[in-house]
Amino acid sequence: MDAKFGFRKFFSFIADVRGEVDKISWPSRKEVVLTTIVVFVIALMASLFFAIVDTAWYKIIHTVIGR
């Protein structure tokens, strides 16, 4: 395979990638901040829920087993 053909193909690929990146609709800073806050709140709520359920199951199992 000719080295020039490989380089030409590589640079053509890079140009195509740049063209596709220009088509991306990037979120605004406000959207990113709000989405991040929502993710943290949901993660906090899920962790609290699972902590409560885990504690409840722990107490139930230990009551049944009698330890």
PDB file of N, CA and C in Angstrom:
ATOM      1  N   MET A   1       0.847  -1.181   0.000  1.00  0.00           N
ATOM      2  CA  MET A   1       0.000   0.000   0.000  1.00  0.00           C
ATOM      3  C   MET A   1       0.888   1.238   0.000  1.00  0.00           C
ATOM      4  N   ASP A   2       0.510   2.212  -0.772  1.00  0.00           N
ATOM      5  CA  ASP A   2       1.284   3.433  -0.902  1.00  0.00           C
ATOM      6  C   ASP A   2       1.094   4.315   0.330  1.00  0.00           C
ATOM      7  N   ALA A   3       2.192   4.872   0.848  1.00  0.00           N
ATOM      8  CA  ALA A   3       2.134   5.715   2.052  1.00  0.00           C
ATOM      9  C   ALA A   3       1.319   6.973   1.790  1.00  0.00           C
ATOM     10  N   LYS A   4       1.401   7.529   0.586  1.00  0.00           N
ATOM     11  CA  LYS A   4       0.637   8.740   0.273  1.00  0.00           C
ATOM     12  C   LYS A   4      -0.860   8.469   0.348  1.00  0.00           C
ATOM     13  N   PHE A   5      -1.268   7.302  -0.129  1.00  0.00           N
ATOM     14  CA  PHE A   5      -2.694   6.959  -0.078  1.00  0.00           C
ATOM     15  C   PHE A   5      -3.172   6.869   1.369  1.00  0.00           C
ATOM     16  N   GLY A   6      -2.347   6.301   2.257  1.00  0.00           N
ATOM     17  CA  GLY A   6      -2.702   6.179   3.664  1.00  0.00           C
ATOM     18  C   GLY A   6      -2.854   7.529   4.327  1.00  0.00           C
ATOM     19  N   PHE A   7      -1.912   8.446   4.050  1.00  0.00           N
ATOM     20  CA  PHE A   7      -1.998   9.780   4.627  1.00  0.00           C
ATOM     21  C   PHE A   7      -3.206  10.539   4.086  1.00  0.00           C
ATOM     22  N   ARG A   8      -3.465  10.403   2.800  1.00  0.00           N
ATOM     23  CA  ARG A   8      -4.605  11.087   2.180  1.00  0.00           C
ATOM     24  C   ARG A   8      -5.911  10.594   2.804  1.00  0.00           C
ATOM     25  N   LYS A   9      -5.985   9.295   3.013  1.00  0.00           N
ATOM     26  CA  LYS A   9      -7.180   8.702   3.614  1.00  0.00           C
ATOM     27  C   LYS A   9      -7.333   9.173   5.069  1.00  0.00           C
ATOM     28  N   PHE A  10      -6.231   9.240   5.787  1.00  0.00           N
ATOM     29  CA  PHE A  10      -6.256   9.687   7.185  1.00  0.00           C
ATOM     30  C   PHE A  10      -6.732  11.137   7.280  1.00  0.00           C
ATOM     31  N   PHE A  11      -6.153  12.024   6.465  1.00  0.00           N
ATOM     32  CA  PHE A  11      -6.540  13.440   6.528  1.00  0.00           C
ATOM     33  C   PHE A  11      -7.970  13.654   6.046  1.00  0.00           C
ATOM     34  N   SER A  12      -8.424  12.829   5.124  1.00  0.00           N
ATOM     35  CA  SER A  12      -9.819  12.893   4.697  1.00  0.00           C
ATOM     36  C   SER A  12     -10.742  12.502   5.858  1.00  0.00           C
ATOM     37  N   PHE A  13     -10.344  11.481   6.606  1.00  0.00           N
ATOM     38  CA  PHE A  13     -11.115  11.060   7.769  1.00  0.00           C
ATOM     39  C   PHE A  13     -11.186  12.180   8.803  1.00  0.00           C
ATOM     40  N   ILE A  14     -10.045  12.842   9.075  1.00  0.00           N
ATOM     41  CA  ILE A  14     -10.008  13.941  10.044  1.00  0.00           C
ATOM     42  C   ILE A  14     -10.919  15.076   9.586  1.00  0.00           C
ATOM     43  N   ALA A  15     -10.909  15.396   8.316  1.00  0.00           N
ATOM     44  CA  ALA A  15     -11.783  16.454   7.789  1.00  0.00           C
ATOM     45  C   ALA A  15     -13.249  16.067   7.961  1.00  0.00           C
ATOM     46  N   ASP A  16     -13.577  14.812   7.729  1.00  0.00           N
ATOM     47  CA  ASP A  16     -14.951  14.341   7.918  1.00  0.00           C
ATOM     48  C   ASP A  16     -15.370  14.445   9.386  1.00  0.00           C
ATOM     49  N   VAL A  17     -14.463  14.094  10.291  1.00  0.00           N
ATOM     50  CA  VAL A  17     -14.758  14.178  11.723  1.00  0.00           C
ATOM     51  C   VAL A  17     -15.031  15.627  12.113  1.00  0.00           C
ATOM     52  N   ARG A  18     -14.195  16.539  11.648  1.00  0.00           N
ATOM     53  CA  ARG A  18     -14.407  17.964  11.959  1.00  0.00           C
ATOM     54  C   ARG A  18     -15.761  18.445  11.432  1.00  0.00           C
ATOM     55  N   GLY A  19     -16.129  17.996  10.252  1.00  0.00           N
ATOM     56  CA  GLY A  19     -17.430  18.377   9.684  1.00  0.00           C
ATOM     57  C   GLY A  19     -18.576  17.863  10.532  1.00  0.00           C
ATOM     58  N   GLU A  20     -18.457  16.647  11.046  1.00  0.00           N
ATOM     59  CA  GLU A  20     -19.505  16.085  11.891  1.00  0.00           C
ATOM     60  C   GLU A  20     -19.562  16.789  13.249  1.00  0.00           C
ATOM     61  N   VAL A  21     -18.411  17.151  13.800  1.00  0.00           N
ATOM     62  CA  VAL A  21     -18.380  17.851  15.086  1.00  0.00           C
ATOM     63  C   VAL A  21     -19.069  19.210  14.968  1.00  0.00           C
ATOM     64  N   ASP A  22     -18.928  19.853  13.819  1.00  0.00           N
ATOM     65  CA  ASP A  22     -19.589  21.148  13.617  1.00  0.00           C
ATOM     66  C   ASP A  22     -21.112  21.019  13.610  1.00  0.00           C
ATOM     67  N   LYS A  23     -21.633  19.841  13.329  1.00  0.00           N
ATOM     68  CA  LYS A  23     -23.082  19.621  13.288  1.00  0.00           C
ATOM     69  C   LYS A  23     -23.682  19.368  14.661  1.00  0.00           C
ATOM     70  N   ILE A  24     -22.842  19.152  15.666  1.00  0.00           N
ATOM     71  CA  ILE A  24     -23.332  18.825  17.003  1.00  0.00           C
ATOM     72  C   ILE A  24     -23.996  20.038  17.632  1.00  0.00           C
ATOM     73  N   SER A  25     -25.129  19.798  18.276  1.00  0.00           N
ATOM     74  CA  SER A  25     -25.828  20.857  19.005  1.00  0.00           C
ATOM     75  C   SER A  25     -25.380  20.786  20.460  1.00  0.00           C
ATOM     76  N   TRP A  26     -24.441  21.660  20.848  1.00  0.00           N
ATOM     77  CA  TRP A  26     -23.873  21.622  22.187  1.00  0.00           C
ATOM     78  C   TRP A  26     -24.815  22.293  23.173  1.00  0.00           C
ATOM     79  N   PRO A  27     -24.969  21.739  24.381  1.00  0.00           N
ATOM     80  CA  PRO A  27     -25.848  22.363  25.378  1.00  0.00           C
ATOM     81  C   PRO A  27     -25.219  23.642  25.928  1.00  0.00           C
ATOM     82  N   SER A  28     -26.090  24.529  26.395  1.00  0.00           N
ATOM     83  CA  SER A  28     -25.594  25.762  26.998  1.00  0.00           C
ATOM     84  C   SER A  28     -25.052  25.463  28.396  1.00  0.00           C
ATOM     85  N   ARG A  29     -24.340  26.424  28.961  1.00  0.00           N
ATOM     86  CA  ARG A  29     -23.799  26.253  30.313  1.00  0.00           C
ATOM     87  C   ARG A  29     -24.936  26.064  31.309  1.00  0.00           C
ATOM     88  N   LYS A  30     -26.021  26.809  31.134  1.00  0.00           N
ATOM     89  CA  LYS A  30     -27.168  26.704  32.037  1.00  0.00           C
ATOM     90  C   LYS A  30     -27.771  25.301  31.991  1.00  0.00           C
ATOM     91  N   GLU A  31     -27.909  24.740  30.801  1.00  0.00           N
ATOM     92  CA  GLU A  31     -28.452  23.389  30.658  1.00  0.00           C
ATOM     93  C   GLU A  31     -27.551  22.353  31.334  1.00  0.00           C
ATOM     94  N   VAL A  32     -26.254  22.517  31.190  1.00  0.00           N
ATOM     95  CA  VAL A  32     -25.312  21.572  31.800  1.00  0.00           C
ATOM     96  C   VAL A  32     -25.398  21.653  33.321  1.00  0.00           C
ATOM     97  N   VAL A  33     -25.449  22.868  33.863  1.00  0.00           N
ATOM     98  CA  VAL A  33     -25.525  23.051  35.318  1.00  0.00           C
ATOM     99  C   VAL A  33     -26.819  22.456  35.854  1.00  0.00           C
ATOM    100  N   LEU A  34     -27.947  22.750  35.208  1.00  0.00           N
ATOM    101  CA  LEU A  34     -29.237  22.229  35.679  1.00  0.00           C
ATOM    102  C   LEU A  34     -29.292  20.702  35.593  1.00  0.00           C
ATOM    103  N   THR A  35     -28.793  20.148  34.523  1.00  0.00           N
ATOM    104  CA  THR A  35     -28.784  18.700  34.368  1.00  0.00           C
ATOM    105  C   THR A  35     -27.899  18.048  35.424  1.00  0.00           C
ATOM    106  N   THR A  36     -26.763  18.664  35.709  1.00  0.00           N
ATOM    107  CA  THR A  36     -25.867  18.132  36.735  1.00  0.00           C
ATOM    108  C   THR A  36     -26.532  18.147  38.101  1.00  0.00           C
ATOM    109  N   ILE A  37     -27.234  19.222  38.411  1.00  0.00           N
ATOM    110  CA  ILE A  37     -27.945  19.320  39.691  1.00  0.00           C
ATOM    111  C   ILE A  37     -29.010  18.239  39.786  1.00  0.00           C
ATOM    112  N   VAL A  38     -29.760  18.032  38.710  1.00  0.00           N
ATOM    113  CA  VAL A  38     -30.796  16.994  38.700  1.00  0.00           C
ATOM    114  C   VAL A  38     -30.175  15.614  38.938  1.00  0.00           C
ATOM    115  N   VAL A  39     -29.051  15.336  38.308  1.00  0.00           N
ATOM    116  CA  VAL A  39     -28.389  14.045  38.482  1.00  0.00           C
ATOM    117  C   VAL A  39     -27.962  13.852  39.936  1.00  0.00           C
ATOM    118  N   PHE A  40     -27.382  14.888  40.547  1.00  0.00           N
ATOM    119  CA  PHE A  40     -26.959  14.781  41.946  1.00  0.00           C
ATOM    120  C   PHE A  40     -28.139  14.595  42.887  1.00  0.00           C
ATOM    121  N   VAL A  41     -29.237  15.311  42.645  1.00  0.00           N
ATOM    122  CA  VAL A  41     -30.418  15.185  43.507  1.00  0.00           C
ATOM    123  C   VAL A  41     -31.001  13.781  43.396  1.00  0.00           C
ATOM    124  N   ILE A  42     -31.120  13.263  42.183  1.00  0.00           N
ATOM    125  CA  ILE A  42     -31.671  11.917  41.996  1.00  0.00           C
ATOM    126  C   ILE A  42     -30.747  10.874  42.624  1.00  0.00           C
ATOM    127  N   ALA A  43     -29.435  11.044  42.472  1.00  0.00           N
ATOM    128  CA  ALA A  43     -28.490  10.107  43.087  1.00  0.00           C
ATOM    129  C   ALA A  43     -28.601  10.148  44.608  1.00  0.00           C
ATOM    130  N   LEU A  44     -28.761  11.338  45.182  1.00  0.00           N
ATOM    131  CA  LEU A  44     -28.929  11.469  46.628  1.00  0.00           C
ATOM    132  C   LEU A  44     -30.220  10.796  47.086  1.00  0.00           C
ATOM    133  N   MET A  45     -31.308  11.028  46.363  1.00  0.00           N
ATOM    134  CA  MET A  45     -32.584  10.403  46.717  1.00  0.00           C
ATOM    135  C   MET A  45     -32.497   8.884  46.622  1.00  0.00           C
ATOM    136  N   ALA A  46     -31.861   8.374  45.592  1.00  0.00           N
ATOM    137  CA  ALA A  46     -31.726   6.918  45.427  1.00  0.00           C
ATOM    138  C   ALA A  46     -30.871   6.333  46.551  1.00  0.00           C
ATOM    139  N   SER A  47     -29.788   7.012  46.911  1.00  0.00           N
ATOM    140  CA  SER A  47     -28.938   6.489  47.977  1.00  0.00           C
ATOM    141  C   SER A  47     -29.662   6.496  49.313  1.00  0.00           C
ATOM    142  N   LEU A  48     -30.452   7.529  49.585  1.00  0.00           N
ATOM    143  CA  LEU A  48     -31.234   7.557  50.819  1.00  0.00           C
ATOM    144  C   LEU A  48     -32.275   6.444  50.830  1.00  0.00           C
ATOM    145  N   PHE A  49     -32.948   6.250  49.706  1.00  0.00           N
ATOM    146  CA  PHE A  49     -33.955   5.194  49.602  1.00  0.00           C
ATOM    147  C   PHE A  49     -33.330   3.828  49.887  1.00  0.00           C
ATOM    148  N   PHE A  50     -32.205   3.532  49.229  1.00  0.00           N
ATOM    149  CA  PHE A  50     -31.576   2.225  49.419  1.00  0.00           C
ATOM    150  C   PHE A  50     -31.001   2.062  50.820  1.00  0.00           C
ATOM    151  N   ALA A  51     -30.549   3.143  51.422  1.00  0.00           N
ATOM    152  CA  ALA A  51     -30.060   3.064  52.799  1.00  0.00           C
ATOM    153  C   ALA A  51     -31.208   2.716  53.743  1.00  0.00           C
ATOM    154  N   ILE A  52     -32.368   3.330  53.534  1.00  0.00           N
ATOM    155  CA  ILE A  52     -33.537   3.045  54.374  1.00  0.00           C
ATOM    156  C   ILE A  52     -34.006   1.606  54.178  1.00  0.00           C
ATOM    157  N   VAL A  53     -34.105   1.170  52.923  1.00  0.00           N
ATOM    158  CA  VAL A  53     -34.532  -0.201  52.636  1.00  0.00           C
ATOM    159  C   VAL A  53     -33.532  -1.201  53.212  1.00  0.00           C
ATOM    160  N   ASP A  54     -32.250  -0.930  53.067  1.00  0.00           N
ATOM    161  CA  ASP A  54     -31.219  -1.828  53.591  1.00  0.00           C
ATOM    162  C   ASP A  54     -31.325  -1.929  55.115  1.00  0.00           C
ATOM    163  N   THR A  55     -31.507  -0.807  55.776  1.00  0.00           N
ATOM    164  CA  THR A  55     -31.635  -0.812  57.233  1.00  0.00           C
ATOM    165  C   THR A  55     -32.882  -1.575  57.668  1.00  0.00           C
ATOM    166  N   ALA A  56     -33.979  -1.365  56.951  1.00  0.00           N
ATOM    167  CA  ALA A  56     -35.218  -2.065  57.291  1.00  0.00           C
ATOM    168  C   ALA A  56     -35.041  -3.573  57.137  1.00  0.00           C
ATOM    169  N   TRP A  57     -34.466  -4.025  56.024  1.00  0.00           N
ATOM    170  CA  TRP A  57     -34.243  -5.451  55.814  1.00  0.00           C
ATOM    171  C   TRP A  57     -33.299  -6.019  56.858  1.00  0.00           C
ATOM    172  N   TYR A  58     -32.292  -5.268  57.222  1.00  0.00           N
ATOM    173  CA  TYR A  58     -31.351  -5.708  58.260  1.00  0.00           C
ATOM    174  C   TYR A  58     -32.084  -5.969  59.570  1.00  0.00           C
ATOM    175  N   LYS A  59     -32.940  -5.026  59.953  1.00  0.00           N
ATOM    176  CA  LYS A  59     -33.678  -5.181  61.214  1.00  0.00           C
ATOM    177  C   LYS A  59     -34.676  -6.334  61.139  1.00  0.00           C
ATOM    178  N   ILE A  60     -35.354  -6.490  59.986  1.00  0.00           N
ATOM    179  CA  ILE A  60     -36.307  -7.567  59.813  1.00  0.00           C
ATOM    180  C   ILE A  60     -35.591  -8.930  59.906  1.00  0.00           C
ATOM    181  N   ILE A  61     -34.514  -9.084  59.179  1.00  0.00           N
ATOM    182  CA  ILE A  61     -33.781 -10.358  59.170  1.00  0.00           C
ATOM    183  C   ILE A  61     -33.250 -10.675  60.555  1.00  0.00           C
ATOM    184  N   HIS A  62     -32.688  -9.700  61.242  1.00  0.00           N
ATOM    185  CA  HIS A  62     -32.131  -9.942  62.579  1.00  0.00           C
ATOM    186  C   HIS A  62     -33.229 -10.222  63.593  1.00  0.00           C
ATOM    187  N   THR A  63     -34.405  -9.659  63.389  1.00  0.00           N
ATOM    188  CA  THR A  63     -35.537  -9.975  64.279  1.00  0.00           C
ATOM    189  C   THR A  63     -36.000 -11.412  64.056  1.00  0.00           C
ATOM    190  N   VAL A  64     -36.082 -11.828  62.798  1.00  0.00           N
ATOM    191  CA  VAL A  64     -36.526 -13.195  62.473  1.00  0.00           C
ATOM    192  C   VAL A  64     -35.489 -14.216  62.949  1.00  0.00           C
ATOM    193  N   ILE A  65     -34.240 -13.959  62.693  1.00  0.00           N
ATOM    194  CA  ILE A  65     -33.185 -14.899  63.079  1.00  0.00           C
ATOM    195  C   ILE A  65     -33.001 -14.889  64.592  1.00  0.00           C
ATOM    196  N   GLY A  66     -33.178 -13.745  65.204  1.00  0.00           N
ATOM    197  CA  GLY A  66     -33.075 -13.646  66.654  1.00  0.00           C
ATOM    198  C   GLY A  66     -31.685 -13.325  67.155  1.00  0.00           C
ATOM    199  N   ARG A  67     -30.874 -12.722  66.364  1.00  0.00           N
ATOM    200  CA  ARG A  67     -29.512 -12.374  66.804  1.00  0.00           C
ATOM    201  C   ARG A  67     -29.463 -10.964  67.288  1.00  0.00           C
TER     202      ARG A  67
END
